[in-house]
PDB file of N, CA and C in Angstrom:
ATOM      1  N   UNK A   1     -15.673 -25.233   4.276  1.00  0.00           N
ATOM      2  CA  UNK A   1     -15.201 -23.863   4.183  1.00  0.00           C
ATOM      3  C   UNK A   1     -16.334 -22.993   3.663  1.00  0.00           C
ATOM      4  N   UNK A   2     -16.502 -21.842   4.252  1.00  0.00           N
ATOM      5  CA  UNK A   2     -17.506 -20.884   3.835  1.00  0.00           C
ATOM      6  C   UNK A   2     -16.917 -19.972   2.774  1.00  0.00           C
ATOM      7  N   UNK A   3     -17.692 -19.726   1.756  1.00  0.00           N
ATOM      8  CA  UNK A   3     -17.234 -18.817   0.709  1.00  0.00           C
ATOM      9  C   UNK A   3     -17.702 -17.409   1.023  1.00  0.00           C
ATOM     10  N   UNK A   4     -16.870 -16.454   0.685  1.00  0.00           N
ATOM     11  CA  UNK A   4     -17.213 -15.053   0.856  1.00  0.00           C
ATOM     12  C   UNK A   4     -16.811 -14.310  -0.416  1.00  0.00           C
ATOM     13  N   UNK A   5     -17.594 -13.357  -0.764  1.00  0.00           N
ATOM     14  CA  UNK A   5     -17.283 -12.537  -1.930  1.00  0.00           C
ATOM     15  C   UNK A   5     -16.753 -11.208  -1.419  1.00  0.00           C
ATOM     16  N   UNK A   6     -15.637 -10.788  -1.972  1.00  0.00           N
ATOM     17  CA  UNK A   6     -15.074  -9.490  -1.610  1.00  0.00           C
ATOM     18  C   UNK A   6     -14.856  -8.690  -2.888  1.00  0.00           C
ATOM     19  N   UNK A   7     -14.783  -7.410  -2.726  1.00  0.00           N
ATOM     20  CA  UNK A   7     -14.510  -6.533  -3.857  1.00  0.00           C
ATOM     21  C   UNK A   7     -13.275  -5.708  -3.510  1.00  0.00           C
ATOM     22  N   UNK A   8     -12.310  -5.730  -4.411  1.00  0.00           N
ATOM     23  CA  UNK A   8     -11.089  -4.950  -4.229  1.00  0.00           C
ATOM     24  C   UNK A   8     -11.100  -3.769  -5.184  1.00  0.00           C
ATOM     25  N   UNK A   9     -10.644  -2.663  -4.691  1.00  0.00           N
ATOM     26  CA  UNK A   9     -10.425  -1.507  -5.561  1.00  0.00           C
ATOM     27  C   UNK A   9      -8.923  -1.277  -5.594  1.00  0.00           C
ATOM     28  N   UNK A  10      -8.367  -1.456  -6.756  1.00  0.00           N
ATOM     29  CA  UNK A  10      -6.937  -1.282  -6.927  1.00  0.00           C
ATOM     30  C   UNK A  10      -6.688  -0.158  -7.916  1.00  0.00           C
ATOM     31  N   UNK A  11      -5.660   0.630  -7.632  1.00  0.00           N
ATOM     32  CA  UNK A  11      -5.327   1.681  -8.584  1.00  0.00           C
ATOM     33  C   UNK A  11      -4.450   1.105  -9.699  1.00  0.00           C
ATOM     34  N   UNK A  12      -4.140   1.900 -10.676  1.00  0.00           N
ATOM     35  CA  UNK A  12      -3.391   1.431 -11.841  1.00  0.00           C
ATOM     36  C   UNK A  12      -2.027   0.871 -11.447  1.00  0.00           C
ATOM     37  N   UNK A  13      -1.353   1.525 -10.537  1.00  0.00           N
ATOM     38  CA  UNK A  13      -0.032   1.060 -10.114  1.00  0.00           C
ATOM     39  C   UNK A  13      -0.122  -0.315  -9.445  1.00  0.00           C
ATOM     40  N   UNK A  14      -1.120  -0.512  -8.614  1.00  0.00           N
ATOM     41  CA  UNK A  14      -1.296  -1.806  -7.951  1.00  0.00           C
ATOM     42  C   UNK A  14      -1.582  -2.915  -8.961  1.00  0.00           C
ATOM     43  N   UNK A  15      -2.423  -2.616  -9.948  1.00  0.00           N
ATOM     44  CA  UNK A  15      -2.702  -3.594 -10.999  1.00  0.00           C
ATOM     45  C   UNK A  15      -1.444  -3.931 -11.793  1.00  0.00           C
ATOM     46  N   UNK A  16      -0.636  -2.926 -12.067  1.00  0.00           N
ATOM     47  CA  UNK A  16       0.608  -3.165 -12.795  1.00  0.00           C
ATOM     48  C   UNK A  16       1.554  -4.040 -11.982  1.00  0.00           C
ATOM     49  N   UNK A  17       1.626  -3.822 -10.684  1.00  0.00           N
ATOM     50  CA  UNK A  17       2.472  -4.660  -9.829  1.00  0.00           C
ATOM     51  C   UNK A  17       1.991  -6.108  -9.837  1.00  0.00           C
ATOM     52  N   UNK A  18       0.692  -6.297  -9.757  1.00  0.00           N
ATOM     53  CA  UNK A  18       0.125  -7.649  -9.809  1.00  0.00           C
ATOM     54  C   UNK A  18       0.432  -8.282 -11.164  1.00  0.00           C
ATOM     55  N   UNK A  19       0.196  -7.547 -12.228  1.00  0.00           N
ATOM     56  CA  UNK A  19       0.440  -8.082 -13.566  1.00  0.00           C
ATOM     57  C   UNK A  19       1.921  -8.412 -13.773  1.00  0.00           C
ATOM     58  N   UNK A  20       2.803  -7.585 -13.254  1.00  0.00           N
ATOM     59  CA  UNK A  20       4.239  -7.867 -13.367  1.00  0.00           C
ATOM     60  C   UNK A  20       4.617  -9.122 -12.590  1.00  0.00           C
ATOM     61  N   UNK A  21       3.996  -9.324 -11.443  1.00  0.00           N
ATOM     62  CA  UNK A  21       4.250 -10.543 -10.671  1.00  0.00           C
ATOM     63  C   UNK A  21       3.780 -11.771 -11.436  1.00  0.00           C
ATOM     64  N   UNK A  22       2.640 -11.658 -12.083  1.00  0.00           N
ATOM     65  CA  UNK A  22       2.114 -12.768 -12.880  1.00  0.00           C
ATOM     66  C   UNK A  22       3.051 -13.046 -14.059  1.00  0.00           C
ATOM     67  N   UNK A  23       3.488 -11.984 -14.737  1.00  0.00           N
ATOM     68  CA  UNK A  23       4.403 -12.147 -15.873  1.00  0.00           C
ATOM     69  C   UNK A  23       5.726 -12.775 -15.444  1.00  0.00           C
ATOM     70  N   UNK A  24       6.157 -12.495 -14.217  1.00  0.00           N
ATOM     71  CA  UNK A  24       7.415 -13.037 -13.704  1.00  0.00           C
ATOM     72  C   UNK A  24       7.265 -14.493 -13.271  1.00  0.00           C
ATOM     73  N   UNK A  25       6.052 -15.018 -13.367  1.00  0.00           N
ATOM     74  CA  UNK A  25       5.829 -16.415 -13.031  1.00  0.00           C
ATOM     75  C   UNK A  25       5.570 -16.682 -11.567  1.00  0.00           C
ATOM     76  N   UNK A  26       5.310 -15.643 -10.804  1.00  0.00           N
ATOM     77  CA  UNK A  26       5.049 -15.807  -9.376  1.00  0.00           C
ATOM     78  C   UNK A  26       3.654 -16.352  -9.101  1.00  0.00           C
ATOM     79  N   UNK A  27       2.810 -16.350 -10.116  1.00  0.00           N
ATOM     80  CA  UNK A  27       1.432 -16.800  -9.953  1.00  0.00           C
ATOM     81  C   UNK A  27       0.846 -17.118 -11.324  1.00  0.00           C
ATOM     82  N   UNK A  28      -0.234 -17.879 -11.310  1.00  0.00           N
ATOM     83  CA  UNK A  28      -0.891 -18.231 -12.550  1.00  0.00           C
ATOM     84  C   UNK A  28      -1.834 -17.160 -13.061  1.00  0.00           C
ATOM     85  N   UNK A  29      -2.162 -16.179 -12.213  1.00  0.00           N
ATOM     86  CA  UNK A  29      -3.069 -15.115 -12.628  1.00  0.00           C
ATOM     87  C   UNK A  29      -3.359 -14.179 -11.471  1.00  0.00           C
ATOM     88  N   UNK A  30      -4.079 -13.130 -11.782  1.00  0.00           N
ATOM     89  CA  UNK A  30      -4.425 -12.129 -10.764  1.00  0.00           C
ATOM     90  C   UNK A  30      -5.167 -12.750  -9.588  1.00  0.00           C
ATOM     91  N   UNK A  31      -6.186 -13.544  -9.902  1.00  0.00           N
ATOM     92  CA  UNK A  31      -7.015 -14.121  -8.840  1.00  0.00           C
ATOM     93  C   UNK A  31      -6.185 -14.980  -7.892  1.00  0.00           C
ATOM     94  N   UNK A  32      -5.343 -15.822  -8.454  1.00  0.00           N
ATOM     95  CA  UNK A  32      -4.498 -16.701  -7.635  1.00  0.00           C
ATOM     96  C   UNK A  32      -3.574 -15.889  -6.735  1.00  0.00           C
ATOM     97  N   UNK A  33      -2.994 -14.838  -7.270  1.00  0.00           N
ATOM     98  CA  UNK A  33      -2.079 -14.001  -6.496  1.00  0.00           C
ATOM     99  C   UNK A  33      -2.804 -13.279  -5.364  1.00  0.00           C
ATOM    100  N   UNK A  34      -3.986 -12.759  -5.647  1.00  0.00           N
ATOM    101  CA  UNK A  34      -4.763 -12.063  -4.616  1.00  0.00           C
ATOM    102  C   UNK A  34      -5.204 -13.043  -3.529  1.00  0.00           C
ATOM    103  N   UNK A  35      -5.642 -14.225  -3.919  1.00  0.00           N
ATOM    104  CA  UNK A  35      -6.043 -15.226  -2.914  1.00  0.00           C
ATOM    105  C   UNK A  35      -4.873 -15.609  -2.014  1.00  0.00           C
ATOM    106  N   UNK A  36      -3.703 -15.764  -2.606  1.00  0.00           N
ATOM    107  CA  UNK A  36      -2.516 -16.092  -1.806  1.00  0.00           C
ATOM    108  C   UNK A  36      -2.200 -14.968  -0.820  1.00  0.00           C
ATOM    109  N   UNK A  37      -2.322 -13.731  -1.277  1.00  0.00           N
ATOM    110  CA  UNK A  37      -2.064 -12.590  -0.399  1.00  0.00           C
ATOM    111  C   UNK A  37      -3.088 -12.521   0.731  1.00  0.00           C
ATOM    112  N   UNK A  38      -4.351 -12.786   0.420  1.00  0.00           N
ATOM    113  CA  UNK A  38      -5.391 -12.765   1.455  1.00  0.00           C
ATOM    114  C   UNK A  38      -5.170 -13.872   2.487  1.00  0.00           C
ATOM    115  N   UNK A  39      -4.763 -15.049   2.027  1.00  0.00           N
ATOM    116  CA  UNK A  39      -4.489 -16.141   2.960  1.00  0.00           C
ATOM    117  C   UNK A  39      -3.312 -15.806   3.866  1.00  0.00           C
ATOM    118  N   UNK A  40      -2.279 -15.200   3.313  1.00  0.00           N
ATOM    119  CA  UNK A  40      -1.119 -14.802   4.124  1.00  0.00           C
ATOM    120  C   UNK A  40      -1.521 -13.750   5.151  1.00  0.00           C
ATOM    121  N   UNK A  41      -2.334 -12.795   4.723  1.00  0.00           N
ATOM    122  CA  UNK A  41      -2.808 -11.768   5.644  1.00  0.00           C
ATOM    123  C   UNK A  41      -3.628 -12.398   6.776  1.00  0.00           C
ATOM    124  N   UNK A  42      -4.526 -13.308   6.424  1.00  0.00           N
ATOM    125  CA  UNK A  42      -5.368 -13.972   7.424  1.00  0.00           C
ATOM    126  C   UNK A  42      -4.514 -14.756   8.410  1.00  0.00           C
ATOM    127  N   UNK A  43      -3.499 -15.432   7.914  1.00  0.00           N
ATOM    128  CA  UNK A  43      -2.626 -16.219   8.797  1.00  0.00           C
ATOM    129  C   UNK A  43      -1.918 -15.334   9.811  1.00  0.00           C
ATOM    130  N   UNK A  44      -1.595 -14.122   9.409  1.00  0.00           N
ATOM    131  CA  UNK A  44      -0.880 -13.204  10.301  1.00  0.00           C
ATOM    132  C   UNK A  44      -1.788 -12.387  11.208  1.00  0.00           C
ATOM    133  N   UNK A  45      -3.058 -12.211  10.834  1.00  0.00           N
ATOM    134  CA  UNK A  45      -3.900 -11.252  11.552  1.00  0.00           C
ATOM    135  C   UNK A  45      -5.170 -11.807  12.189  1.00  0.00           C
ATOM    136  N   UNK A  46      -5.608 -12.990  11.806  1.00  0.00           N
ATOM    137  CA  UNK A  46      -6.847 -13.529  12.363  1.00  0.00           C
ATOM    138  C   UNK A  46      -6.566 -14.452  13.534  1.00  0.00           C
ATOM    139  N   UNK A  47      -7.502 -14.536  14.481  1.00  0.00           N
ATOM    140  CA  UNK A  47      -7.357 -15.500  15.574  1.00  0.00           C
ATOM    141  C   UNK A  47      -7.333 -16.924  15.017  1.00  0.00           C
ATOM    142  N   UNK A  48      -6.773 -17.872  15.756  1.00  0.00           N
ATOM    143  CA  UNK A  48      -6.630 -19.247  15.252  1.00  0.00           C
ATOM    144  C   UNK A  48      -7.920 -19.864  14.711  1.00  0.00           C
ATOM    145  N   UNK A  49      -9.067 -19.663  15.354  1.00  0.00           N
ATOM    146  CA  UNK A  49     -10.304 -20.276  14.863  1.00  0.00           C
ATOM    147  C   UNK A  49     -10.711 -19.702  13.520  1.00  0.00           C
ATOM    148  N   UNK A  50     -10.493 -18.398  13.301  1.00  0.00           N
ATOM    149  CA  UNK A  50     -10.832 -17.773  12.041  1.00  0.00           C
ATOM    150  C   UNK A  50      -9.826 -18.127  10.939  1.00  0.00           C
ATOM    151  N   UNK A  51      -8.594 -18.424  11.325  1.00  0.00           N
ATOM    152  CA  UNK A  51      -7.591 -18.813  10.346  1.00  0.00           C
ATOM    153  C   UNK A  51      -7.985 -20.072   9.599  1.00  0.00           C
ATOM    154  N   UNK A  52      -8.566 -21.016  10.326  1.00  0.00           N
ATOM    155  CA  UNK A  52      -8.979 -22.264   9.695  1.00  0.00           C
ATOM    156  C   UNK A  52     -10.051 -22.017   8.647  1.00  0.00           C
ATOM    157  N   UNK A  53     -10.930 -21.073   8.899  1.00  0.00           N
ATOM    158  CA  UNK A  53     -11.988 -20.742   7.945  1.00  0.00           C
ATOM    159  C   UNK A  53     -11.419 -20.092   6.682  1.00  0.00           C
ATOM    160  N   UNK A  54     -10.287 -19.402   6.819  1.00  0.00           N
ATOM    161  CA  UNK A  54      -9.702 -18.673   5.691  1.00  0.00           C
ATOM    162  C   UNK A  54      -8.976 -19.588   4.717  1.00  0.00           C
ATOM    163  N   UNK A  55      -8.724 -20.819   5.072  1.00  0.00           N
ATOM    164  CA  UNK A  55      -7.972 -21.727   4.195  1.00  0.00           C
ATOM    165  C   UNK A  55      -8.775 -22.216   3.080  1.00  0.00           C
TER     166      UNK A  55
END
């Protein structure tokens, strides 16, 4: 798997939503939650060959 570095810009409301999800036990932390969201997005939007790279 190839690693890629991305930078997200989130506003205060988005950060609060992420933090509330973490507090509710939906994830172990911000990073884990964002990675899960990116993987879900990739599964829905990338061609099959690129999907494998996103895992």
